[in-house]
Structures are given as structure tokens and as C-alpha cells.
Amino acid sequence: MNYYALIYYVVSDYITRRATYRDEHLRLAREANHRGELVLAGAFSDPADKALLVFRAPDKSVVEGFIKQDPYVINGLVTRWEIRPWTVVVGN
């Protein structure tokens, strides 16, 4: 299994706009977590300009599948994203 860091770059009024889509986004994230794919996820604060989601999966297609379904992406709250392979040297 490999680790992938998904970095979301979000719109400036992200905190306000996310309310409409938050339940669906969190449902999607919790499902990925229960399958063991999404390890950690959360938004950066001060400033709230990005979010980080850490996946553990056989390949990045799992991350790409998450992005395609994410209402934050579909509805324009995420302006761009990066998927970065992440080499973990300490921890599980």
C-alpha cells in the first residue's frame, strides 16, 4: 500500500460556502475512511485556504475517484488540487 497526500486549494469564502455541501462531503470522507482508504483529513486554518487529505491505497486512482465524487470539487469550492505520493518514514 502507498500513501498519497491530496491537497485541496479552496476559494476564499470556502468556510461560508461549504455548509451546503458539508454533509455529503463528510459522508464521502467517512465512507473512504471506513474502507481504510482515507487515513486523515481536514482543512488548514488561519488562513483557511487549503485542506489536506491523506490516503493509503494501492494506487492514486483511489484518490482520483474520491475527487470525482467530492461535492466540494463538483460545486467549485476547490479551485485546484494536487495528488502527491508520500513516503512515510515514521508511524504506521
PDB file of N, CA and C in Angstrom:
ATOM      1  N   MET A   1       0.834  -1.187   0.000  1.00  0.00           N
ATOM      2  CA  MET A   1       0.000   0.000   0.000  1.00  0.00           C
ATOM      3  C   MET A   1       0.874   1.245   0.000  1.00  0.00           C
ATOM      4  N   ASN A   2       0.388   2.256  -0.653  1.00  0.00           N
ATOM      5  CA  ASN A   2       1.099   3.528  -0.759  1.00  0.00           C
ATOM      6  C   ASN A   2       0.297   4.622  -0.058  1.00  0.00           C
ATOM      7  N   TYR A   3       1.000   5.668   0.341  1.00  0.00           N
ATOM      8  CA  TYR A   3       0.343   6.847   0.893  1.00  0.00           C
ATOM      9  C   TYR A   3       0.320   7.947  -0.160  1.00  0.00           C
ATOM     10  N   TYR A   4      -0.773   8.713  -0.149  1.00  0.00           N
ATOM     11  CA  TYR A   4      -0.933   9.857  -1.049  1.00  0.00           C
ATOM     12  C   TYR A   4      -1.477  11.027  -0.256  1.00  0.00           C
ATOM     13  N   ALA A   5      -0.865  12.183  -0.454  1.00  0.00           N
ATOM     14  CA  ALA A   5      -1.384  13.416   0.127  1.00  0.00           C
ATOM     15  C   ALA A   5      -2.189  14.123  -0.955  1.00  0.00           C
ATOM     16  N   LEU A   6      -3.441  14.396  -0.648  1.00  0.00           N
ATOM     17  CA  LEU A   6      -4.295  15.169  -1.542  1.00  0.00           C
ATOM     18  C   LEU A   6      -4.401  16.560  -0.940  1.00  0.00           C
ATOM     19  N   ILE A   7      -3.965  17.543  -1.683  1.00  0.00           N
ATOM     20  CA  ILE A   7      -4.020  18.927  -1.218  1.00  0.00           C
ATOM     21  C   ILE A   7      -5.066  19.653  -2.047  1.00  0.00           C
ATOM     22  N   TYR A   8      -6.070  20.170  -1.358  1.00  0.00           N
ATOM     23  CA  TYR A   8      -7.109  20.976  -1.988  1.00  0.00           C
ATOM     24  C   TYR A   8      -6.775  22.452  -1.792  1.00  0.00           C
ATOM     25  N   TYR A   9      -6.890  23.238  -2.838  1.00  0.00           N
ATOM     26  CA  TYR A   9      -6.798  24.693  -2.776  1.00  0.00           C
ATOM     27  C   TYR A   9      -8.229  25.199  -2.920  1.00  0.00           C
ATOM     28  N   VAL A  10      -8.692  25.945  -1.936  1.00  0.00           N
ATOM     29  CA  VAL A  10     -10.116  26.288  -1.879  1.00  0.00           C
ATOM     30  C   VAL A  10     -10.351  27.780  -2.110  1.00  0.00           C
ATOM     31  N   VAL A  11     -11.598  28.122  -2.450  1.00  0.00           N
ATOM     32  CA  VAL A  11     -12.000  29.503  -2.691  1.00  0.00           C
ATOM     33  C   VAL A  11     -11.898  30.322  -1.404  1.00  0.00           C
ATOM     34  N   SER A  12     -11.817  31.632  -1.543  1.00  0.00           N
ATOM     35  CA  SER A  12     -11.614  32.496  -0.377  1.00  0.00           C
ATOM     36  C   SER A  12     -12.784  32.462   0.610  1.00  0.00           C
ATOM     37  N   ASP A  13     -13.997  32.220   0.138  1.00  0.00           N
ATOM     38  CA  ASP A  13     -15.158  32.156   1.039  1.00  0.00           C
ATOM     39  C   ASP A  13     -15.584  30.705   1.313  1.00  0.00           C
ATOM     40  N   TYR A  14     -14.606  29.840   1.305  1.00  0.00           N
ATOM     41  CA  TYR A  14     -14.823  28.405   1.489  1.00  0.00           C
ATOM     42  C   TYR A  14     -15.616  28.079   2.755  1.00  0.00           C
ATOM     43  N   ILE A  15     -15.268  28.683   3.875  1.00  0.00           N
ATOM     44  CA  ILE A  15     -15.924  28.372   5.152  1.00  0.00           C
ATOM     45  C   ILE A  15     -17.422  28.646   5.056  1.00  0.00           C
ATOM     46  N   THR A  16     -17.801  29.736   4.438  1.00  0.00           N
ATOM     47  CA  THR A  16     -19.215  30.084   4.285  1.00  0.00           C
ATOM     48  C   THR A  16     -19.908  29.161   3.295  1.00  0.00           C
ATOM     49  N   ARG A  17     -19.291  28.941   2.151  1.00  0.00           N
ATOM     50  CA  ARG A  17     -19.924  28.179   1.071  1.00  0.00           C
ATOM     51  C   ARG A  17     -19.995  26.677   1.318  1.00  0.00           C
ATOM     52  N   ARG A  18     -19.144  26.146   2.165  1.00  0.00           N
ATOM     53  CA  ARG A  18     -19.104  24.696   2.338  1.00  0.00           C
ATOM     54  C   ARG A  18     -20.339  24.145   3.044  1.00  0.00           C
ATOM     55  N   ALA A  19     -21.054  24.962   3.795  1.00  0.00           N
ATOM     56  CA  ALA A  19     -22.197  24.494   4.596  1.00  0.00           C
ATOM     57  C   ALA A  19     -23.202  23.699   3.759  1.00  0.00           C
ATOM     58  N   THR A  20     -23.482  24.149   2.571  1.00  0.00           N
ATOM     59  CA  THR A  20     -24.449  23.481   1.687  1.00  0.00           C
ATOM     60  C   THR A  20     -24.025  22.064   1.331  1.00  0.00           C
ATOM     61  N   TYR A  21     -22.737  21.835   1.212  1.00  0.00           N
ATOM     62  CA  TYR A  21     -22.214  20.555   0.714  1.00  0.00           C
ATOM     63  C   TYR A  21     -21.510  19.720   1.780  1.00  0.00           C
ATOM     64  N   ARG A  22     -21.422  20.248   2.976  1.00  0.00           N
ATOM     65  CA  ARG A  22     -20.609  19.622   4.024  1.00  0.00           C
ATOM     66  C   ARG A  22     -21.061  18.221   4.401  1.00  0.00           C
ATOM     67  N   ASP A  23     -22.355  18.008   4.586  1.00  0.00           N
ATOM     68  CA  ASP A  23     -22.836  16.675   4.975  1.00  0.00           C
ATOM     69  C   ASP A  23     -22.467  15.616   3.939  1.00  0.00           C
ATOM     70  N   GLU A  24     -22.651  15.941   2.667  1.00  0.00           N
ATOM     71  CA  GLU A  24     -22.325  14.987   1.602  1.00  0.00           C
ATOM     72  C   GLU A  24     -20.816  14.755   1.516  1.00  0.00           C
ATOM     73  N   HIS A  25     -20.041  15.817   1.657  1.00  0.00           N
ATOM     74  CA  HIS A  25     -18.580  15.690   1.640  1.00  0.00           C
ATOM     75  C   HIS A  25     -18.105  14.799   2.794  1.00  0.00           C
ATOM     76  N   LEU A  26     -18.640  15.037   3.982  1.00  0.00           N
ATOM     77  CA  LEU A  26     -18.238  14.240   5.146  1.00  0.00           C
ATOM     78  C   LEU A  26     -18.698  12.794   5.027  1.00  0.00           C
ATOM     79  N   ARG A  27     -19.855  12.561   4.432  1.00  0.00           N
ATOM     80  CA  ARG A  27     -20.317  11.184   4.201  1.00  0.00           C
ATOM     81  C   ARG A  27     -19.327  10.456   3.303  1.00  0.00           C
ATOM     82  N   LEU A  28     -18.938  11.106   2.224  1.00  0.00           N
ATOM     83  CA  LEU A  28     -17.977  10.526   1.286  1.00  0.00           C
ATOM     84  C   LEU A  28     -16.643  10.241   1.994  1.00  0.00           C
ATOM     85  N   ALA A  29     -16.189  11.184   2.798  1.00  0.00           N
ATOM     86  CA  ALA A  29     -14.923  11.012   3.523  1.00  0.00           C
ATOM     87  C   ALA A  29     -15.020   9.877   4.541  1.00  0.00           C
ATOM     88  N   ARG A  30     -16.118   9.821   5.267  1.00  0.00           N
ATOM     89  CA  ARG A  30     -16.280   8.753   6.271  1.00  0.00           C
ATOM     90  C   ARG A  30     -16.343   7.377   5.614  1.00  0.00           C
ATOM     91  N   GLU A  31     -17.001   7.287   4.478  1.00  0.00           N
ATOM     92  CA  GLU A  31     -17.048   6.007   3.757  1.00  0.00           C
ATOM     93  C   GLU A  31     -15.644   5.580   3.335  1.00  0.00           C
ATOM     94  N   ALA A  32     -14.859   6.512   2.818  1.00  0.00           N
ATOM     95  CA  ALA A  32     -13.481   6.202   2.416  1.00  0.00           C
ATOM     96  C   ALA A  32     -12.645   5.810   3.636  1.00  0.00           C
ATOM     97  N   ASN A  33     -12.904   6.458   4.762  1.00  0.00           N
ATOM     98  CA  ASN A  33     -12.209   6.120   5.994  1.00  0.00           C
ATOM     99  C   ASN A  33     -12.569   4.714   6.463  1.00  0.00           C
ATOM    100  N   HIS A  34     -13.846   4.381   6.419  1.00  0.00           N
ATOM    101  CA  HIS A  34     -14.282   3.036   6.839  1.00  0.00           C
ATOM    102  C   HIS A  34     -13.710   1.934   5.942  1.00  0.00           C
ATOM    103  N   ARG A  35     -13.479   2.253   4.673  1.00  0.00           N
ATOM    104  CA  ARG A  35     -12.857   1.276   3.762  1.00  0.00           C
ATOM    105  C   ARG A  35     -11.350   1.189   3.975  1.00  0.00           C
ATOM    106  N   GLY A  36     -10.806   2.076   4.812  1.00  0.00           N
ATOM    107  CA  GLY A  36      -9.370   2.074   5.068  1.00  0.00           C
ATOM    108  C   GLY A  36      -8.566   2.878   4.070  1.00  0.00           C
ATOM    109  N   GLU A  37      -9.223   3.621   3.203  1.00  0.00           N
ATOM    110  CA  GLU A  37      -8.524   4.395   2.171  1.00  0.00           C
ATOM    111  C   GLU A  37      -8.102   5.777   2.670  1.00  0.00           C
ATOM    112  N   LEU A  38      -8.982   6.463   3.355  1.00  0.00           N
ATOM    113  CA  LEU A  38      -8.706   7.808   3.846  1.00  0.00           C
ATOM    114  C   LEU A  38      -8.270   7.718   5.300  1.00  0.00           C
ATOM    115  N   VAL A  39      -7.042   8.107   5.560  1.00  0.00           N
ATOM    116  CA  VAL A  39      -6.451   7.961   6.885  1.00  0.00           C
ATOM    117  C   VAL A  39      -6.735   9.187   7.753  1.00  0.00           C
ATOM    118  N   LEU A  40      -6.486  10.362   7.217  1.00  0.00           N
ATOM    119  CA  LEU A  40      -6.679  11.635   7.917  1.00  0.00           C
ATOM    120  C   LEU A  40      -7.193  12.667   6.924  1.00  0.00           C
ATOM    121  N   ALA A  41      -7.983  13.611   7.416  1.00  0.00           N
ATOM    122  CA  ALA A  41      -8.464  14.674   6.541  1.00  0.00           C
ATOM    123  C   ALA A  41      -8.865  15.878   7.370  1.00  0.00           C
ATOM    124  N   GLY A  42      -8.614  17.048   6.824  1.00  0.00           N
ATOM    125  CA  GLY A  42      -9.036  18.269   7.492  1.00  0.00           C
ATOM    126  C   GLY A  42      -8.564  19.495   6.739  1.00  0.00           C
ATOM    127  N   ALA A  43      -9.198  20.620   7.070  1.00  0.00           N
ATOM    128  CA  ALA A  43      -8.851  21.899   6.455  1.00  0.00           C
ATOM    129  C   ALA A  43      -7.785  22.600   7.295  1.00  0.00           C
ATOM    130  N   PHE A  44      -6.927  23.327   6.624  1.00  0.00           N
ATOM    131  CA  PHE A  44      -5.995  24.198   7.325  1.00  0.00           C
ATOM    132  C   PHE A  44      -6.772  25.414   7.811  1.00  0.00           C
ATOM    133  N   SER A  45      -6.320  25.995   8.897  1.00  0.00           N
ATOM    134  CA  SER A  45      -6.954  27.210   9.398  1.00  0.00           C
ATOM    135  C   SER A  45      -5.905  28.313   9.523  1.00  0.00           C
ATOM    136  N   ASP A  46      -6.380  29.521   9.492  1.00  0.00           N
ATOM    137  CA  ASP A  46      -5.559  30.715   9.700  1.00  0.00           C
ATOM    138  C   ASP A  46      -4.363  30.781   8.771  1.00  0.00           C
ATOM    139  N   PRO A  47      -4.569  30.880   7.470  1.00  0.00           N
ATOM    140  CA  PRO A  47      -5.840  31.059   6.776  1.00  0.00           C
ATOM    141  C   PRO A  47      -6.450  29.726   6.339  1.00  0.00           C
ATOM    142  N   ALA A  48      -7.742  29.739   6.137  1.00  0.00           N
ATOM    143  CA  ALA A  48      -8.466  28.552   5.664  1.00  0.00           C
ATOM    144  C   ALA A  48      -8.418  28.541   4.131  1.00  0.00           C
ATOM    145  N   ASP A  49      -7.239  28.249   3.610  1.00  0.00           N
ATOM    146  CA  ASP A  49      -7.038  28.327   2.162  1.00  0.00           C
ATOM    147  C   ASP A  49      -6.753  26.984   1.497  1.00  0.00           C
ATOM    148  N   LYS A  50      -6.556  25.950   2.308  1.00  0.00           N
ATOM    149  CA  LYS A  50      -6.241  24.623   1.774  1.00  0.00           C
ATOM    150  C   LYS A  50      -6.792  23.560   2.708  1.00  0.00           C
ATOM    151  N   ALA A  51      -6.845  22.342   2.194  1.00  0.00           N
ATOM    152  CA  ALA A  51      -7.188  21.178   3.008  1.00  0.00           C
ATOM    153  C   ALA A  51      -6.222  20.058   2.641  1.00  0.00           C
ATOM    154  N   LEU A  52      -6.017  19.160   3.592  1.00  0.00           N
ATOM    155  CA  LEU A  52      -5.119  18.025   3.386  1.00  0.00           C
ATOM    156  C   LEU A  52      -5.873  16.744   3.689  1.00  0.00           C
ATOM    157  N   LEU A  53      -5.828  15.816   2.759  1.00  0.00           N
ATOM    158  CA  LEU A  53      -6.433  14.505   2.934  1.00  0.00           C
ATOM    159  C   LEU A  53      -5.347  13.469   2.664  1.00  0.00           C
ATOM    160  N   VAL A  54      -5.139  12.559   3.582  1.00  0.00           N
ATOM    161  CA  VAL A  54      -4.093  11.546   3.449  1.00  0.00           C
ATOM    162  C   VAL A  54      -4.752  10.196   3.179  1.00  0.00           C
ATOM    163  N   PHE A  55      -4.395   9.611   2.073  1.00  0.00           N
ATOM    164  CA  PHE A  55      -4.945   8.328   1.655  1.00  0.00           C
ATOM    165  C   PHE A  55      -3.885   7.240   1.762  1.00  0.00           C
ATOM    166  N   ARG A  56      -4.338   6.030   1.999  1.00  0.00           N
ATOM    167  CA  ARG A  56      -3.491   4.835   1.933  1.00  0.00           C
ATOM    168  C   ARG A  56      -4.185   3.888   0.967  1.00  0.00           C
ATOM    169  N   ALA A  57      -3.561   3.682  -0.186  1.00  0.00           N
ATOM    170  CA  ALA A  57      -4.231   2.943  -1.257  1.00  0.00           C
ATOM    171  C   ALA A  57      -3.192   2.290  -2.163  1.00  0.00           C
ATOM    172  N   PRO A  58      -3.620   1.308  -2.956  1.00  0.00           N
ATOM    173  CA  PRO A  58      -2.671   0.646  -3.858  1.00  0.00           C
ATOM    174  C   PRO A  58      -2.145   1.571  -4.954  1.00  0.00           C
ATOM    175  N   ASP A  59      -2.956   2.525  -5.391  1.00  0.00           N
ATOM    176  CA  ASP A  59      -2.512   3.485  -6.409  1.00  0.00           C
ATOM    177  C   ASP A  59      -3.370   4.745  -6.343  1.00  0.00           C
ATOM    178  N   LYS A  60      -2.974   5.764  -7.084  1.00  0.00           N
ATOM    179  CA  LYS A  60      -3.632   7.064  -6.963  1.00  0.00           C
ATOM    180  C   LYS A  60      -5.021   7.107  -7.585  1.00  0.00           C
ATOM    181  N   SER A  61      -5.422   6.059  -8.286  1.00  0.00           N
ATOM    182  CA  SER A  61      -6.771   6.048  -8.856  1.00  0.00           C
ATOM    183  C   SER A  61      -7.844   6.109  -7.768  1.00  0.00           C
ATOM    184  N   VAL A  62      -7.530   5.611  -6.579  1.00  0.00           N
ATOM    185  CA  VAL A  62      -8.458   5.693  -5.447  1.00  0.00           C
ATOM    186  C   VAL A  62      -8.682   7.159  -5.079  1.00  0.00           C
ATOM    187  N   VAL A  63      -7.620   7.928  -5.043  1.00  0.00           N
ATOM    188  CA  VAL A  63      -7.703   9.358  -4.732  1.00  0.00           C
ATOM    189  C   VAL A  63      -8.462  10.084  -5.839  1.00  0.00           C
ATOM    190  N   GLU A  64      -8.156   9.766  -7.072  1.00  0.00           N
ATOM    191  CA  GLU A  64      -8.841  10.386  -8.208  1.00  0.00           C
ATOM    192  C   GLU A  64     -10.338  10.089  -8.180  1.00  0.00           C
ATOM    193  N   GLY A  65     -10.705   8.871  -7.784  1.00  0.00           N
ATOM    194  CA  GLY A  65     -12.114   8.514  -7.660  1.00  0.00           C
ATOM    195  C   GLY A  65     -12.814   9.334  -6.598  1.00  0.00           C
ATOM    196  N   PHE A  66     -12.123   9.588  -5.485  1.00  0.00           N
ATOM    197  CA  PHE A  66     -12.682  10.421  -4.424  1.00  0.00           C
ATOM    198  C   PHE A  66     -12.935  11.839  -4.944  1.00  0.00           C
ATOM    199  N   ILE A  67     -11.957  12.401  -5.620  1.00  0.00           N
ATOM    200  CA  ILE A  67     -12.066  13.762  -6.146  1.00  0.00           C
ATOM    201  C   ILE A  67     -13.266  13.879  -7.084  1.00  0.00           C
ATOM    202  N   LYS A  68     -13.453  12.916  -7.965  1.00  0.00           N
ATOM    203  CA  LYS A  68     -14.547  12.966  -8.945  1.00  0.00           C
ATOM    204  C   LYS A  68     -15.924  12.989  -8.293  1.00  0.00           C
ATOM    205  N   GLN A  69     -16.024  12.442  -7.082  1.00  0.00           N
ATOM    206  CA  GLN A  69     -17.305  12.390  -6.381  1.00  0.00           C
ATOM    207  C   GLN A  69     -17.504  13.508  -5.370  1.00  0.00           C
ATOM    208  N   ASP A  70     -16.442  14.212  -5.022  1.00  0.00           N
ATOM    209  CA  ASP A  70     -16.492  15.175  -3.924  1.00  0.00           C
ATOM    210  C   ASP A  70     -17.330  16.396  -4.300  1.00  0.00           C
ATOM    211  N   PRO A  71     -18.386  16.680  -3.538  1.00  0.00           N
ATOM    212  CA  PRO A  71     -19.222  17.843  -3.846  1.00  0.00           C
ATOM    213  C   PRO A  71     -18.477  19.169  -3.722  1.00  0.00           C
ATOM    214  N   TYR A  72     -17.418  19.229  -2.941  1.00  0.00           N
ATOM    215  CA  TYR A  72     -16.621  20.454  -2.865  1.00  0.00           C
ATOM    216  C   TYR A  72     -15.942  20.729  -4.210  1.00  0.00           C
ATOM    217  N   VAL A  73     -15.504  19.685  -4.878  1.00  0.00           N
ATOM    218  CA  VAL A  73     -14.878  19.823  -6.193  1.00  0.00           C
ATOM    219  C   VAL A  73     -15.956  20.093  -7.248  1.00  0.00           C
ATOM    220  N   ILE A  74     -16.989  19.283  -7.240  1.00  0.00           N
ATOM    221  CA  ILE A  74     -18.059  19.381  -8.234  1.00  0.00           C
ATOM    222  C   ILE A  74     -18.694  20.774  -8.237  1.00  0.00           C
ATOM    223  N   ASN A  75     -18.816  21.376  -7.059  1.00  0.00           N
ATOM    224  CA  ASN A  75     -19.510  22.657  -6.931  1.00  0.00           C
ATOM    225  C   ASN A  75     -18.579  23.870  -6.839  1.00  0.00           C
ATOM    226  N   GLY A  76     -17.321  23.685  -7.183  1.00  0.00           N
ATOM    227  CA  GLY A  76     -16.409  24.808  -7.344  1.00  0.00           C
ATOM    228  C   GLY A  76     -15.782  25.383  -6.092  1.00  0.00           C
ATOM    229  N   LEU A  77     -15.885  24.709  -4.964  1.00  0.00           N
ATOM    230  CA  LEU A  77     -15.220  25.199  -3.753  1.00  0.00           C
ATOM    231  C   LEU A  77     -13.722  24.926  -3.796  1.00  0.00           C
ATOM    232  N   VAL A  78     -13.338  23.900  -4.521  1.00  0.00           N
ATOM    233  CA  VAL A  78     -11.928  23.554  -4.711  1.00  0.00           C
ATOM    234  C   VAL A  78     -11.515  24.091  -6.079  1.00  0.00           C
ATOM    235  N   THR A  79     -10.538  24.989  -6.075  1.00  0.00           N
ATOM    236  CA  THR A  79     -10.100  25.607  -7.335  1.00  0.00           C
ATOM    237  C   THR A  79      -9.081  24.757  -8.072  1.00  0.00           C
ATOM    238  N   ARG A  80      -8.295  24.012  -7.308  1.00  0.00           N
ATOM    239  CA  ARG A  80      -7.342  23.059  -7.895  1.00  0.00           C
ATOM    240  C   ARG A  80      -6.903  22.109  -6.810  1.00  0.00           C
ATOM    241  N   TRP A  81      -6.227  21.039  -7.210  1.00  0.00           N
ATOM    242  CA  TRP A  81      -5.744  20.056  -6.250  1.00  0.00           C
ATOM    243  C   TRP A  81      -4.453  19.441  -6.745  1.00  0.00           C
ATOM    244  N   GLU A  82      -3.738  18.853  -5.801  1.00  0.00           N
ATOM    245  CA  GLU A  82      -2.513  18.101  -6.092  1.00  0.00           C
ATOM    246  C   GLU A  82      -2.624  16.744  -5.423  1.00  0.00           C
ATOM    247  N   ILE A  83      -2.183  15.724  -6.108  1.00  0.00           N
ATOM    248  CA  ILE A  83      -2.017  14.402  -5.503  1.00  0.00           C
ATOM    249  C   ILE A  83      -0.520  14.150  -5.465  1.00  0.00           C
ATOM    250  N   ARG A  84      -0.003  13.966  -4.265  1.00  0.00           N
ATOM    251  CA  ARG A  84       1.430  13.750  -4.104  1.00  0.00           C
ATOM    252  C   ARG A  84       1.682  12.405  -3.441  1.00  0.00           C
ATOM    253  N   PRO A  85       2.461  11.519  -4.069  1.00  0.00           N
ATOM    254  CA  PRO A  85       2.888  10.316  -3.370  1.00  0.00           C
ATOM    255  C   PRO A  85       3.671  10.745  -2.133  1.00  0.00           C
ATOM    256  N   TRP A  86       3.436  10.061  -1.032  1.00  0.00           N
ATOM    257  CA  TRP A  86       4.046  10.457   0.235  1.00  0.00           C
ATOM    258  C   TRP A  86       4.772   9.263   0.828  1.00  0.00           C
ATOM    259  N   THR A  87       6.060   9.416   1.063  1.00  0.00           N
ATOM    260  CA  THR A  87       6.868   8.361   1.663  1.00  0.00           C
ATOM    261  C   THR A  87       6.870   8.564   3.166  1.00  0.00           C
ATOM    262  N   VAL A  88       6.206   7.672   3.879  1.00  0.00           N
ATOM    263  CA  VAL A  88       6.120   7.744   5.330  1.00  0.00           C
ATOM    264  C   VAL A  88       7.320   7.010   5.928  1.00  0.00           C
ATOM    265  N   VAL A  89       8.057   7.694   6.808  1.00  0.00           N
ATOM    266  CA  VAL A  89       9.235   7.081   7.414  1.00  0.00           C
ATOM    267  C   VAL A  89       9.081   6.850   8.915  1.00  0.00           C
ATOM    268  N   VAL A  90       8.099   7.494   9.538  1.00  0.00           N
ATOM    269  CA  VAL A  90       7.818   7.293  10.955  1.00  0.00           C
ATOM    270  C   VAL A  90       6.311   7.158  11.106  1.00  0.00           C
ATOM    271  N   GLY A  91       5.868   6.152  11.845  1.00  0.00           N
ATOM    272  CA  GLY A  91       4.432   5.916  12.045  1.00  0.00           C
ATOM    273  C   GLY A  91       3.964   4.765  11.179  1.00  0.00           C
ATOM    274  N   ASN A  92       2.676   4.536  11.256  1.00  0.00           N
ATOM    275  CA  ASN A  92       2.101   3.402  10.509  1.00  0.00           C
ATOM    276  C   ASN A  92       1.811   3.792   9.096  1.00  0.00           C
TER     277      ASN A  92
END
